[in-house]
PDB file of N, CA and C in Angstrom:
ATOM      1  N   UNK A   1     259.325 207.670  83.621  1.00  0.00           N
ATOM      2  CA  UNK A   1     259.455 208.237  82.309  1.00  0.00           C
ATOM      3  C   UNK A   1     260.716 207.755  81.598  1.00  0.00           C
ATOM      4  N   UNK A   2     261.835 207.748  82.328  1.00  0.00           N
ATOM      5  CA  UNK A   2     263.104 207.343  81.727  1.00  0.00           C
ATOM      6  C   UNK A   2     263.292 205.832  81.844  1.00  0.00           C
ATOM      7  N   UNK A   3     264.007 205.269  80.891  1.00  0.00           N
ATOM      8  CA  UNK A   3     264.309 203.841  80.932  1.00  0.00           C
ATOM      9  C   UNK A   3     265.313 203.563  82.046  1.00  0.00           C
ATOM     10  N   UNK A   4     266.331 204.422  82.158  1.00  0.00           N
ATOM     11  CA  UNK A   4     267.352 204.280  83.197  1.00  0.00           C
ATOM     12  C   UNK A   4     267.118 205.286  84.302  1.00  0.00           C
ATOM     13  N   UNK A   5     268.238 205.673  84.926  1.00  0.00           N
ATOM     14  CA  UNK A   5     268.140 206.642  86.008  1.00  0.00           C
ATOM     15  C   UNK A   5     267.872 208.044  85.481  1.00  0.00           C
ATOM     16  N   UNK A   6     267.345 208.900  86.344  1.00  0.00           N
ATOM     17  CA  UNK A   6     267.092 210.309  86.015  1.00  0.00           C
ATOM     18  C   UNK A   6     268.230 211.095  86.656  1.00  0.00           C
ATOM     19  N   UNK A   7     269.201 211.509  85.834  1.00  0.00           N
ATOM     20  CA  UNK A   7     270.392 212.157  86.343  1.00  0.00           C
ATOM     21  C   UNK A   7     270.251 213.646  86.581  1.00  0.00           C
ATOM     22  N   UNK A   8     269.327 214.285  85.895  1.00  0.00           N
ATOM     23  CA  UNK A   8     269.182 215.739  85.996  1.00  0.00           C
ATOM     24  C   UNK A   8     267.708 216.104  86.082  1.00  0.00           C
ATOM     25  N   UNK A   9     267.406 217.071  86.947  1.00  0.00           N
ATOM     26  CA  UNK A   9     266.036 217.530  87.099  1.00  0.00           C
ATOM     27  C   UNK A   9     266.078 219.028  87.354  1.00  0.00           C
ATOM     28  N   UNK A  10     265.248 219.766  86.642  1.00  0.00           N
ATOM     29  CA  UNK A  10     265.216 221.213  86.812  1.00  0.00           C
ATOM     30  C   UNK A  10     263.764 221.675  86.795  1.00  0.00           C
ATOM     31  N   UNK A  11     263.438 222.612  87.693  1.00  0.00           N
ATOM     32  CA  UNK A  11     262.088 223.156  87.789  1.00  0.00           C
ATOM     33  C   UNK A  11     262.161 224.643  87.492  1.00  0.00           C
ATOM     34  N   UNK A  12     261.217 225.138  86.687  1.00  0.00           N
ATOM     35  CA  UNK A  12     261.200 226.561  86.344  1.00  0.00           C
ATOM     36  C   UNK A  12     260.858 227.395  87.570  1.00  0.00           C
ATOM     37  N   UNK A  13     261.121 228.688  87.483  1.00  0.00           N
ATOM     38  CA  UNK A  13     260.883 229.603  88.603  1.00  0.00           C
ATOM     39  C   UNK A  13     259.411 229.639  89.007  1.00  0.00           C
ATOM     40  N   UNK A  14     258.511 229.508  88.043  1.00  0.00           N
ATOM     41  CA  UNK A  14     257.087 229.539  88.370  1.00  0.00           C
ATOM     42  C   UNK A  14     256.543 228.173  88.787  1.00  0.00           C
ATOM     43  N   UNK A  15     257.390 227.150  88.743  1.00  0.00           N
ATOM     44  CA  UNK A  15     256.984 225.824  89.185  1.00  0.00           C
ATOM     45  C   UNK A  15     256.058 225.093  88.234  1.00  0.00           C
ATOM     46  N   UNK A  16     255.922 225.580  87.041  1.00  0.00           N
ATOM     47  CA  UNK A  16     254.992 224.957  86.096  1.00  0.00           C
ATOM     48  C   UNK A  16     255.677 224.145  85.004  1.00  0.00           C
ATOM     49  N   UNK A  17     257.000 224.174  84.958  1.00  0.00           N
ATOM     50  CA  UNK A  17     257.726 223.399  83.955  1.00  0.00           C
ATOM     51  C   UNK A  17     258.824 222.614  84.649  1.00  0.00           C
ATOM     52  N   UNK A  18     258.891 221.332  84.338  1.00  0.00           N
ATOM     53  CA  UNK A  18     259.914 220.454  84.887  1.00  0.00           C
ATOM     54  C   UNK A  18     260.644 219.821  83.713  1.00  0.00           C
ATOM     55  N   UNK A  19     261.972 219.825  83.769  1.00  0.00           N
ATOM     56  CA  UNK A  19     262.790 219.201  82.723  1.00  0.00           C
ATOM     57  C   UNK A  19     263.636 218.128  83.390  1.00  0.00           C
ATOM     58  N   UNK A  20     263.582 216.922  82.821  1.00  0.00           N
ATOM     59  CA  UNK A  20     264.391 215.836  83.370  1.00  0.00           C
ATOM     60  C   UNK A  20     265.248 215.241  82.265  1.00  0.00           C
ATOM     61  N   UNK A  21     266.471 214.874  82.645  1.00  0.00           N
ATOM     62  CA  UNK A  21     267.389 214.244  81.713  1.00  0.00           C
ATOM     63  C   UNK A  21     267.803 212.895  82.265  1.00  0.00           C
ATOM     64  N   UNK A  22     267.655 211.861  81.461  1.00  0.00           N
ATOM     65  CA  UNK A  22     267.938 210.520  81.936  1.00  0.00           C
ATOM     66  C   UNK A  22     269.227 209.956  81.391  1.00  0.00           C
ATOM     67  N   UNK A  23     269.680 208.898  82.031  1.00  0.00           N
ATOM     68  CA  UNK A  23     270.869 208.197  81.598  1.00  0.00           C
ATOM     69  C   UNK A  23     270.689 207.545  80.242  1.00  0.00           C
ATOM     70  N   UNK A  24     269.441 207.368  79.827  1.00  0.00           N
ATOM     71  CA  UNK A  24     269.159 206.770  78.516  1.00  0.00           C
ATOM     72  C   UNK A  24     269.278 207.781  77.389  1.00  0.00           C
ATOM     73  N   UNK A  25     269.611 209.038  77.727  1.00  0.00           N
ATOM     74  CA  UNK A  25     269.778 210.064  76.707  1.00  0.00           C
ATOM     75  C   UNK A  25     268.511 210.812  76.371  1.00  0.00           C
ATOM     76  N   UNK A  26     267.435 210.497  77.049  1.00  0.00           N
ATOM     77  CA  UNK A  26     266.188 211.191  76.744  1.00  0.00           C
ATOM     78  C   UNK A  26     266.009 212.392  77.666  1.00  0.00           C
ATOM     79  N   UNK A  27     265.279 213.364  77.163  1.00  0.00           N
ATOM     80  CA  UNK A  27     264.965 214.571  77.923  1.00  0.00           C
ATOM     81  C   UNK A  27     263.456 214.733  77.876  1.00  0.00           C
ATOM     82  N   UNK A  28     262.853 214.921  79.056  1.00  0.00           N
ATOM     83  CA  UNK A  28     261.424 215.165  79.123  1.00  0.00           C
ATOM     84  C   UNK A  28     261.197 216.583  79.594  1.00  0.00           C
ATOM     85  N   UNK A  29     260.297 217.262  78.918  1.00  0.00           N
ATOM     86  CA  UNK A  29     259.891 218.605  79.320  1.00  0.00           C
ATOM     87  C   UNK A  29     258.418 218.510  79.681  1.00  0.00           C
ATOM     88  N   UNK A  30     258.114 218.747  80.947  1.00  0.00           N
ATOM     89  CA  UNK A  30     256.744 218.641  81.430  1.00  0.00           C
ATOM     90  C   UNK A  30     256.207 220.043  81.708  1.00  0.00           C
ATOM     91  N   UNK A  31     255.144 220.402  81.045  1.00  0.00           N
ATOM     92  CA  UNK A  31     254.461 221.663  81.297  1.00  0.00           C
ATOM     93  C   UNK A  31     253.258 221.327  82.157  1.00  0.00           C
ATOM     94  N   UNK A  32     253.319 221.705  83.425  1.00  0.00           N
ATOM     95  CA  UNK A  32     252.299 221.314  84.376  1.00  0.00           C
ATOM     96  C   UNK A  32     251.223 222.378  84.503  1.00  0.00           C
ATOM     97  N   UNK A  33     249.986 221.909  84.634  1.00  0.00           N
ATOM     98  CA  UNK A  33     248.853 222.806  84.845  1.00  0.00           C
ATOM     99  C   UNK A  33     248.088 222.287  86.050  1.00  0.00           C
ATOM    100  N   UNK A  34     247.554 223.176  86.876  1.00  0.00           N
ATOM    101  CA  UNK A  34     246.737 222.755  88.002  1.00  0.00           C
ATOM    102  C   UNK A  34     247.534 222.242  89.179  1.00  0.00           C
ATOM    103  N   UNK A  35     248.819 222.545  89.258  1.00  0.00           N
ATOM    104  CA  UNK A  35     249.653 222.045  90.337  1.00  0.00           C
ATOM    105  C   UNK A  35     249.304 222.736  91.645  1.00  0.00           C
ATOM    106  N   UNK A  36     249.060 223.990  91.584  1.00  0.00           N
ATOM    107  CA  UNK A  36     248.717 224.761  92.789  1.00  0.00           C
ATOM    108  C   UNK A  36     247.198 224.823  92.897  1.00  0.00           C
ATOM    109  N   UNK A  37     246.616 223.750  93.292  1.00  0.00           N
ATOM    110  CA  UNK A  37     245.161 223.626  93.262  1.00  0.00           C
ATOM    111  C   UNK A  37     244.474 224.658  94.147  1.00  0.00           C
ATOM    112  N   UNK A  38     244.960 224.876  95.365  1.00  0.00           N
ATOM    113  CA  UNK A  38     244.317 225.820  96.271  1.00  0.00           C
ATOM    114  C   UNK A  38     244.357 227.232  95.699  1.00  0.00           C
ATOM    115  N   UNK A  39     245.508 227.609  95.123  1.00  0.00           N
ATOM    116  CA  UNK A  39     245.641 228.948  94.548  1.00  0.00           C
ATOM    117  C   UNK A  39     244.730 229.120  93.343  1.00  0.00           C
ATOM    118  N   UNK A  40     244.698 228.123  92.483  1.00  0.00           N
ATOM    119  CA  UNK A  40     243.903 228.247  91.263  1.00  0.00           C
ATOM    120  C   UNK A  40     242.411 228.197  91.547  1.00  0.00           C
ATOM    121  N   UNK A  41     241.990 227.418  92.561  1.00  0.00           N
ATOM    122  CA  UNK A  41     240.572 227.398  92.913  1.00  0.00           C
ATOM    123  C   UNK A  41     240.138 228.755  93.443  1.00  0.00           C
ATOM    124  N   UNK A  42     241.009 229.374  94.234  1.00  0.00           N
ATOM    125  CA  UNK A  42     240.701 230.686  94.796  1.00  0.00           C
ATOM    126  C   UNK A  42     240.581 231.726  93.698  1.00  0.00           C
ATOM    127  N   UNK A  43     241.343 231.553  92.629  1.00  0.00           N
ATOM    128  CA  UNK A  43     241.317 232.508  91.523  1.00  0.00           C
ATOM    129  C   UNK A  43     240.293 232.121  90.465  1.00  0.00           C
ATOM    130  N   UNK A  44     239.591 231.012  90.648  1.00  0.00           N
ATOM    131  CA  UNK A  44     238.573 230.593  89.704  1.00  0.00           C
ATOM    132  C   UNK A  44     239.116 229.922  88.464  1.00  0.00           C
ATOM    133  N   UNK A  45     240.357 229.418  88.527  1.00  0.00           N
ATOM    134  CA  UNK A  45     240.957 228.773  87.364  1.00  0.00           C
ATOM    135  C   UNK A  45     240.622 227.295  87.358  1.00  0.00           C
ATOM    136  N   UNK A  46     240.859 226.653  86.228  1.00  0.00           N
ATOM    137  CA  UNK A  46     240.663 225.216  86.073  1.00  0.00           C
ATOM    138  C   UNK A  46     241.669 224.487  86.954  1.00  0.00           C
ATOM    139  N   UNK A  47     241.205 223.513  87.741  1.00  0.00           N
ATOM    140  CA  UNK A  47     242.082 222.825  88.687  1.00  0.00           C
ATOM    141  C   UNK A  47     242.393 221.397  88.268  1.00  0.00           C
ATOM    142  N   UNK A  48     242.085 221.010  87.055  1.00  0.00           N
ATOM    143  CA  UNK A  48     242.383 219.650  86.622  1.00  0.00           C
ATOM    144  C   UNK A  48     243.884 219.465  86.544  1.00  0.00           C
ATOM    145  N   UNK A  49     244.349 218.313  86.994  1.00  0.00           N
ATOM    146  CA  UNK A  49     245.786 218.014  86.988  1.00  0.00           C
ATOM    147  C   UNK A  49     246.133 217.383  85.650  1.00  0.00           C
ATOM    148  N   UNK A  50     246.825 218.194  84.822  1.00  0.00           N
ATOM    149  CA  UNK A  50     247.264 217.694  83.523  1.00  0.00           C
ATOM    150  C   UNK A  50     248.714 218.061  83.313  1.00  0.00           C
ATOM    151  N   UNK A  51     249.362 217.356  82.436  1.00  0.00           N
ATOM    152  CA  UNK A  51     250.745 217.668  82.087  1.00  0.00           C
ATOM    153  C   UNK A  51     250.945 217.372  80.615  1.00  0.00           C
ATOM    154  N   UNK A  52     251.607 218.295  79.914  1.00  0.00           N
ATOM    155  CA  UNK A  52     251.996 218.068  78.527  1.00  0.00           C
ATOM    156  C   UNK A  52     253.416 217.528  78.570  1.00  0.00           C
ATOM    157  N   UNK A  53     253.641 216.424  77.903  1.00  0.00           N
ATOM    158  CA  UNK A  53     254.955 215.801  77.928  1.00  0.00           C
ATOM    159  C   UNK A  53     255.583 215.910  76.546  1.00  0.00           C
ATOM    160  N   UNK A  54     256.822 216.351  76.521  1.00  0.00           N
ATOM    161  CA  UNK A  54     257.591 216.424  75.282  1.00  0.00           C
ATOM    162  C   UNK A  54     258.797 215.516  75.467  1.00  0.00           C
ATOM    163  N   UNK A  55     258.976 214.571  74.557  1.00  0.00           N
ATOM    164  CA  UNK A  55     260.098 213.647  74.647  1.00  0.00           C
ATOM    165  C   UNK A  55     261.093 213.970  73.550  1.00  0.00           C
ATOM    166  N   UNK A  56     262.343 214.119  73.946  1.00  0.00           N
ATOM    167  CA  UNK A  56     263.415 214.336  72.984  1.00  0.00           C
ATOM    168  C   UNK A  56     264.443 213.240  73.245  1.00  0.00           C
ATOM    169  N   UNK A  57     264.632 212.350  72.303  1.00  0.00           N
ATOM    170  CA  UNK A  57     265.613 211.300  72.553  1.00  0.00           C
ATOM    171  C   UNK A  57     266.981 211.700  72.033  1.00  0.00           C
ATOM    172  N   UNK A  58     267.968 210.946  72.439  1.00  0.00           N
ATOM    173  CA  UNK A  58     269.363 211.258  72.128  1.00  0.00           C
ATOM    174  C   UNK A  58     269.612 211.321  70.620  1.00  0.00           C
ATOM    175  N   UNK A  59     269.024 210.403  69.848  1.00  0.00           N
ATOM    176  CA  UNK A  59     269.240 210.399  68.395  1.00  0.00           C
ATOM    177  C   UNK A  59     268.715 211.686  67.767  1.00  0.00           C
ATOM    178  N   UNK A  60     267.532 212.121  68.215  1.00  0.00           N
ATOM    179  CA  UNK A  60     266.977 213.377  67.689  1.00  0.00           C
ATOM    180  C   UNK A  60     267.854 214.564  68.068  1.00  0.00           C
ATOM    181  N   UNK A  61     268.369 214.534  69.294  1.00  0.00           N
ATOM    182  CA  UNK A  61     269.242 215.632  69.722  1.00  0.00           C
ATOM    183  C   UNK A  61     270.513 215.651  68.891  1.00  0.00           C
ATOM    184  N   UNK A  62     271.051 214.485  68.576  1.00  0.00           N
ATOM    185  CA  UNK A  62     272.267 214.418  67.771  1.00  0.00           C
ATOM    186  C   UNK A  62     272.008 214.901  66.352  1.00  0.00           C
ATOM    187  N   UNK A  63     270.864 214.498  65.792  1.00  0.00           N
ATOM    188  CA  UNK A  63     270.508 214.949  64.435  1.00  0.00           C
ATOM    189  C   UNK A  63     270.361 216.463  64.421  1.00  0.00           C
ATOM    190  N   UNK A  64     269.674 216.996  65.419  1.00  0.00           N
ATOM    191  CA  UNK A  64     269.494 218.448  65.481  1.00  0.00           C
ATOM    192  C   UNK A  64     270.828 219.155  65.717  1.00  0.00           C
ATOM    193  N   UNK A  65     271.693 218.548  66.532  1.00  0.00           N
ATOM    194  CA  UNK A  65     273.013 219.131  66.766  1.00  0.00           C
ATOM    195  C   UNK A  65     273.839 219.177  65.492  1.00  0.00           C
ATOM    196  N   UNK A  66     273.784 218.086  64.716  1.00  0.00           N
ATOM    197  CA  UNK A  66     274.501 218.060  63.436  1.00  0.00           C
ATOM    198  C   UNK A  66     273.931 219.093  62.481  1.00  0.00           C
ATOM    199  N   UNK A  67     272.622 219.227  62.494  1.00  0.00           N
ATOM    200  CA  UNK A  67     271.970 220.223  61.630  1.00  0.00           C
ATOM    201  C   UNK A  67     272.413 221.635  62.015  1.00  0.00           C
ATOM    202  N   UNK A  68     272.481 221.884  63.308  1.00  0.00           N
ATOM    203  CA  UNK A  68     272.938 223.200  63.785  1.00  0.00           C
ATOM    204  C   UNK A  68     274.373 223.444  63.331  1.00  0.00           C
ATOM    205  N   UNK A  69     275.238 222.421  63.444  1.00  0.00           N
ATOM    206  CA  UNK A  69     276.627 222.572  63.017  1.00  0.00           C
ATOM    207  C   UNK A  69     276.715 222.864  61.523  1.00  0.00           C
ATOM    208  N   UNK A  70     275.898 222.167  60.722  1.00  0.00           N
ATOM    209  CA  UNK A  70     275.895 222.427  59.281  1.00  0.00           C
ATOM    210  C   UNK A  70     275.431 223.849  58.983  1.00  0.00           C
ATOM    211  N   UNK A  71     274.389 224.286  59.677  1.00  0.00           N
ATOM    212  CA  UNK A  71     273.888 225.644  59.462  1.00  0.00           C
ATOM    213  C   UNK A  71     274.919 226.682  59.900  1.00  0.00           C
ATOM    214  N   UNK A  72     275.612 226.415  60.997  1.00  0.00           N
ATOM    215  CA  UNK A  72     276.650 227.345  61.448  1.00  0.00           C
ATOM    216  C   UNK A  72     277.788 227.419  60.440  1.00  0.00           C
ATOM    217  N   UNK A  73     278.173 226.253  59.884  1.00  0.00           N
ATOM    218  CA  UNK A  73     279.231 226.235  58.870  1.00  0.00           C
ATOM    219  C   UNK A  73     278.785 226.981  57.618  1.00  0.00           C
ATOM    220  N   UNK A  74     277.541 226.762  57.212  1.00  0.00           N
ATOM    221  CA  UNK A  74     277.012 227.468  56.032  1.00  0.00           C
ATOM    222  C   UNK A  74     276.966 228.965  56.286  1.00  0.00           C
ATOM    223  N   UNK A  75     276.556 229.336  57.496  1.00  0.00           N
ATOM    224  CA  UNK A  75     276.504 230.751  57.856  1.00  0.00           C
ATOM    225  C   UNK A  75     277.902 231.368  57.807  1.00  0.00           C
ATOM    226  N   UNK A  76     278.896 230.642  58.314  1.00  0.00           N
ATOM    227  CA  UNK A  76     280.278 231.143  58.293  1.00  0.00           C
ATOM    228  C   UNK A  76     280.757 231.315  56.855  1.00  0.00           C
ATOM    229  N   UNK A  77     280.452 230.336  55.990  1.00  0.00           N
ATOM    230  CA  UNK A  77     280.838 230.432  54.582  1.00  0.00           C
ATOM    231  C   UNK A  77     280.165 231.621  53.904  1.00  0.00           C
ATOM    232  N   UNK A  78     278.879 231.815  54.199  1.00  0.00           N
ATOM    233  CA  UNK A  78     278.156 232.946  53.601  1.00  0.00           C
ATOM    234  C   UNK A  78     278.726 234.271  54.084  1.00  0.00           C
ATOM    235  N   UNK A  79     279.079 234.343  55.365  1.00  0.00           N
ATOM    236  CA  UNK A  79     279.678 235.571  55.883  1.00  0.00           C
ATOM    237  C   UNK A  79     281.017 235.843  55.215  1.00  0.00           C
ATOM    238  N   UNK A  80     281.816 234.796  55.020  1.00  0.00           N
ATOM    239  CA  UNK A  80     283.112 234.965  54.345  1.00  0.00           C
ATOM    240  C   UNK A  80     282.908 235.431  52.912  1.00  0.00           C
ATOM    241  N   UNK A  81     281.958 234.820  52.229  1.00  0.00           N
ATOM    242  CA  UNK A  81     281.674 235.215  50.842  1.00  0.00           C
ATOM    243  C   UNK A  81     281.203 236.665  50.787  1.00  0.00           C
ATOM    244  N   UNK A  82     280.352 237.044  51.732  1.00  0.00           N
ATOM    245  CA  UNK A  82     279.868 238.419  51.785  1.00  0.00           C
ATOM    246  C   UNK A  82     281.012 239.392  52.029  1.00  0.00           C
ATOM    247  N   UNK A  83     281.932 239.035  52.920  1.00  0.00           N
ATOM    248  CA  UNK A  83     283.081 239.903  53.188  1.00  0.00           C
ATOM    249  C   UNK A  83     283.958 240.045  51.949  1.00  0.00           C
ATOM    250  N   UNK A  84     284.141 238.928  51.209  1.00  0.00           N
ATOM    251  CA  UNK A  84     284.931 238.999  49.967  1.00  0.00           C
ATOM    252  C   UNK A  84     284.241 239.903  48.953  1.00  0.00           C
ATOM    253  N   UNK A  85     282.928 239.779  48.827  1.00  0.00           N
ATOM    254  CA  UNK A  85     282.199 240.613  47.868  1.00  0.00           C
ATOM    255  C   UNK A  85     282.252 242.079  48.268  1.00  0.00           C
ATOM    256  N   UNK A  86     282.154 242.345  49.550  1.00  0.00           N
ATOM    257  CA  UNK A  86     282.240 243.730  50.028  1.00  0.00           C
ATOM    258  C   UNK A  86     283.613 244.301  49.698  1.00  0.00           C
ATOM    259  N   UNK A  87     284.672 243.526  49.948  1.00  0.00           N
ATOM    260  CA  UNK A  87     286.030 243.983  49.640  1.00  0.00           C
ATOM    261  C   UNK A  87     286.184 244.224  48.143  1.00  0.00           C
ATOM    262  N   UNK A  88     285.632 243.322  47.332  1.00  0.00           N
ATOM    263  CA  UNK A  88     285.716 243.468  45.879  1.00  0.00           C
ATOM    264  C   UNK A  88     284.981 244.736  45.422  1.00  0.00           C
ATOM    265  N   UNK A  89     283.783 244.944  45.939  1.00  0.00           N
ATOM    266  CA  UNK A  89     283.022 246.143  45.566  1.00  0.00           C
ATOM    267  C   UNK A  89     283.729 247.411  46.028  1.00  0.00           C
ATOM    268  N   UNK A  90     284.310 247.360  47.203  1.00  0.00           N
ATOM    269  CA  UNK A  90     285.037 248.529  47.708  1.00  0.00           C
ATOM    270  C   UNK A  90     286.220 248.839  46.793  1.00  0.00           C
ATOM    271  N   UNK A  91     286.921 247.799  46.372  1.00  0.00           N
ATOM    272  CA  UNK A  91     288.053 247.980  45.461  1.00  0.00           C
ATOM    273  C   UNK A  91     287.585 248.539  44.115  1.00  0.00           C
ATOM    274  N   UNK A  92     286.487 247.989  43.588  1.00  0.00           N
ATOM    275  CA  UNK A  92     285.931 248.508  42.327  1.00  0.00           C
ATOM    276  C   UNK A  92     285.544 249.973  42.472  1.00  0.00           C
ATOM    277  N   UNK A  93     284.955 250.319  43.612  1.00  0.00           N
ATOM    278  CA  UNK A  93     284.561 251.702  43.879  1.00  0.00           C
ATOM    279  C   UNK A  93     285.781 252.618  43.853  1.00  0.00           C
ATOM    280  N   UNK A  94     286.863 252.208  44.518  1.00  0.00           N
ATOM    281  CA  UNK A  94     288.067 253.024  44.551  1.00  0.00           C
ATOM    282  C   UNK A  94     288.641 253.221  43.147  1.00  0.00           C
ATOM    283  N   UNK A  95     288.670 252.146  42.363  1.00  0.00           N
ATOM    284  CA  UNK A  95     289.189 252.227  40.994  1.00  0.00           C
ATOM    285  C   UNK A  95     288.324 253.149  40.157  1.00  0.00           C
ATOM    286  N   UNK A  96     287.013 252.977  40.238  1.00  0.00           N
ATOM    287  CA  UNK A  96     286.075 253.800  39.467  1.00  0.00           C
ATOM    288  C   UNK A  96     286.202 255.268  39.860  1.00  0.00           C
ATOM    289  N   UNK A  97     286.303 255.539  41.163  1.00  0.00           N
ATOM    290  CA  UNK A  97     286.436 256.924  41.614  1.00  0.00           C
ATOM    291  C   UNK A  97     287.733 257.542  41.103  1.00  0.00           C
ATOM    292  N   UNK A  98     288.813 256.783  41.113  1.00  0.00           N
ATOM    293  CA  UNK A  98     290.091 257.291  40.605  1.00  0.00           C
ATOM    294  C   UNK A  98     289.986 257.596  39.116  1.00  0.00           C
ATOM    295  N   UNK A  99     289.365 256.681  38.361  1.00  0.00           N
ATOM    296  CA  UNK A  99     289.193 256.905  36.923  1.00  0.00           C
ATOM    297  C   UNK A  99     288.342 258.150  36.666  1.00  0.00           C
ATOM    298  N   UNK A 100     287.265 258.319  37.437  1.00  0.00           N
ATOM    299  CA  UNK A 100     286.404 259.500  37.266  1.00  0.00           C
ATOM    300  C   UNK A 100     287.138 260.781  37.636  1.00  0.00           C
ATOM    301  N   UNK A 101     287.950 260.743  38.676  1.00  0.00           N
ATOM    302  CA  UNK A 101     288.732 261.927  39.045  1.00  0.00           C
ATOM    303  C   UNK A 101     289.701 262.302  37.928  1.00  0.00           C
ATOM    304  N   UNK A 102     290.364 261.291  37.370  1.00  0.00           N
ATOM    305  CA  UNK A 102     291.290 261.547  36.269  1.00  0.00           C
ATOM    306  C   UNK A 102     290.543 262.111  35.064  1.00  0.00           C
ATOM    307  N   UNK A 103     289.369 261.566  34.768  1.00  0.00           N
ATOM    308  CA  UNK A 103     288.556 262.061  33.651  1.00  0.00           C
ATOM    309  C   UNK A 103     288.144 263.509  33.917  1.00  0.00           C
ATOM    310  N   UNK A 104     287.720 263.802  35.150  1.00  0.00           N
ATOM    311  CA  UNK A 104     287.350 265.175  35.500  1.00  0.00           C
ATOM    312  C   UNK A 104     288.533 266.124  35.337  1.00  0.00           C
ATOM    313  N   UNK A 105     289.730 265.696  35.746  1.00  0.00           N
ATOM    314  CA  UNK A 105     290.920 266.529  35.614  1.00  0.00           C
ATOM    315  C   UNK A 105     291.235 266.819  34.148  1.00  0.00           C
ATOM    316  N   UNK A 106     291.080 265.803  33.303  1.00  0.00           N
ATOM    317  CA  UNK A 106     291.307 266.014  31.861  1.00  0.00           C
ATOM    318  C   UNK A 106     290.287 267.002  31.295  1.00  0.00           C
ATOM    319  N   UNK A 107     289.040 266.861  31.710  1.00  0.00           N
ATOM    320  CA  UNK A 107     288.002 267.792  31.231  1.00  0.00           C
ATOM    321  C   UNK A 107     288.282 269.209  31.724  1.00  0.00           C
ATOM    322  N   UNK A 108     288.717 269.329  32.961  1.00  0.00           N
ATOM    323  CA  UNK A 108     289.047 270.651  33.501  1.00  0.00           C
ATOM    324  C   UNK A 108     290.201 271.265  32.717  1.00  0.00           C
ATOM    325  N   UNK A 109     291.232 270.481  32.419  1.00  0.00           N
ATOM    326  CA  UNK A 109     292.367 270.984  31.636  1.00  0.00           C
ATOM    327  C   UNK A 109     291.923 271.409  30.241  1.00  0.00           C
ATOM    328  N   UNK A 110     291.044 270.617  29.616  1.00  0.00           N
ATOM    329  CA  UNK A 110     290.543 270.971  28.283  1.00  0.00           C
ATOM    330  C   UNK A 110     289.734 272.260  28.337  1.00  0.00           C
ATOM    331  N   UNK A 111     288.889 272.394  29.340  1.00  0.00           N
ATOM    332  CA  UNK A 111     288.098 273.624  29.479  1.00  0.00           C
ATOM    333  C   UNK A 111     288.997 274.824  29.746  1.00  0.00           C
ATOM    334  N   UNK A 112     290.040 274.659  30.542  1.00  0.00           N
ATOM    335  CA  UNK A 112     290.999 275.733  30.789  1.00  0.00           C
ATOM    336  C   UNK A 112     291.693 276.138  29.495  1.00  0.00           C
ATOM    337  N   UNK A 113     292.114 275.132  28.715  1.00  0.00           N
ATOM    338  CA  UNK A 113     292.788 275.398  27.458  1.00  0.00           C
ATOM    339  C   UNK A 113     291.865 276.192  26.534  1.00  0.00           C
ATOM    340  N   UNK A 114     290.601 275.770  26.439  1.00  0.00           N
ATOM    341  CA  UNK A 114     289.640 276.496  25.589  1.00  0.00           C
ATOM    342  C   UNK A 114     289.417 277.911  26.098  1.00  0.00           C
ATOM    343  N   UNK A 115     289.289 278.062  27.427  1.00  0.00           N
ATOM    344  CA  UNK A 115     289.072 279.368  28.014  1.00  0.00           C
ATOM    345  C   UNK A 115     290.243 280.299  27.703  1.00  0.00           C
ATOM    346  N   UNK A 116     291.452 279.773  27.880  1.00  0.00           N
ATOM    347  CA  UNK A 116     292.636 280.582  27.604  1.00  0.00           C
ATOM    348  C   UNK A 116     292.731 280.930  26.116  1.00  0.00           C
ATOM    349  N   UNK A 117     292.331 279.980  25.249  1.00  0.00           N
ATOM    350  CA  UNK A 117     292.349 280.253  23.805  1.00  0.00           C
ATOM    351  C   UNK A 117     291.327 281.329  23.471  1.00  0.00           C
ATOM    352  N   UNK A 118     290.131 281.243  24.053  1.00  0.00           N
ATOM    353  CA  UNK A 118     289.104 282.270  23.819  1.00  0.00           C
ATOM    354  C   UNK A 118     289.552 283.614  24.376  1.00  0.00           C
ATOM    355  N   UNK A 119     290.153 283.594  25.543  1.00  0.00           N
ATOM    356  CA  UNK A 119     290.634 284.823  26.152  1.00  0.00           C
ATOM    357  C   UNK A 119     291.725 285.444  25.280  1.00  0.00           C
ATOM    358  N   UNK A 120     292.622 284.639  24.774  1.00  0.00           N
ATOM    359  CA  UNK A 120     293.700 285.149  23.922  1.00  0.00           C
ATOM    360  C   UNK A 120     293.097 285.704  22.627  1.00  0.00           C
ATOM    361  N   UNK A 121     292.094 285.024  22.057  1.00  0.00           N
ATOM    362  CA  UNK A 121     291.458 285.484  20.813  1.00  0.00           C
ATOM    363  C   UNK A 121     290.729 286.791  21.050  1.00  0.00           C
ATOM    364  N   UNK A 122     290.086 286.934  22.211  1.00  0.00           N
ATOM    365  CA  UNK A 122     289.340 288.162  22.449  1.00  0.00           C
ATOM    366  C   UNK A 122     290.265 289.355  22.740  1.00  0.00           C
ATOM    367  N   UNK A 123     291.419 289.128  23.321  1.00  0.00           N
ATOM    368  CA  UNK A 123     292.354 290.230  23.572  1.00  0.00           C
ATOM    369  C   UNK A 123     293.039 290.679  22.293  1.00  0.00           C
ATOM    370  N   UNK A 124     293.132 289.800  21.275  1.00  0.00           N
ATOM    371  CA  UNK A 124     293.744 290.149  20.006  1.00  0.00           C
ATOM    372  C   UNK A 124     292.793 291.028  19.185  1.00  0.00           C
ATOM    373  N   UNK A 125     291.523 290.936  19.435  1.00  0.00           N
ATOM    374  CA  UNK A 125     290.573 291.739  18.652  1.00  0.00           C
ATOM    375  C   UNK A 125     290.481 293.097  19.151  1.00  0.00           C
TER     376      UNK A 125
END
């Protein structure tokens, strides 16, 4: 499968997937079917020996790696922008709440003044 040597080989726990990495930078992922012929015949499964091969070459891996790095950088920028917007909104909220509290205090003082004026007018009568 590999042009050069096969430096890495890994088999899944169920024995149906084999991954090999070669010195040429390629990675093969083999999904095996029908490997355990005696077991599958006993269970009535298809016993044909087939394998699905997926080839990933070094250039594709590098392109995908660069794409991942760009997406991670974009994600970091978006998170920073979101944090800035959250801080800005929080600050606006604090300012607005302070202004509303001050407005409420002025209204309360005006209502007190009117109440006291009405009370004074009613005691004079």
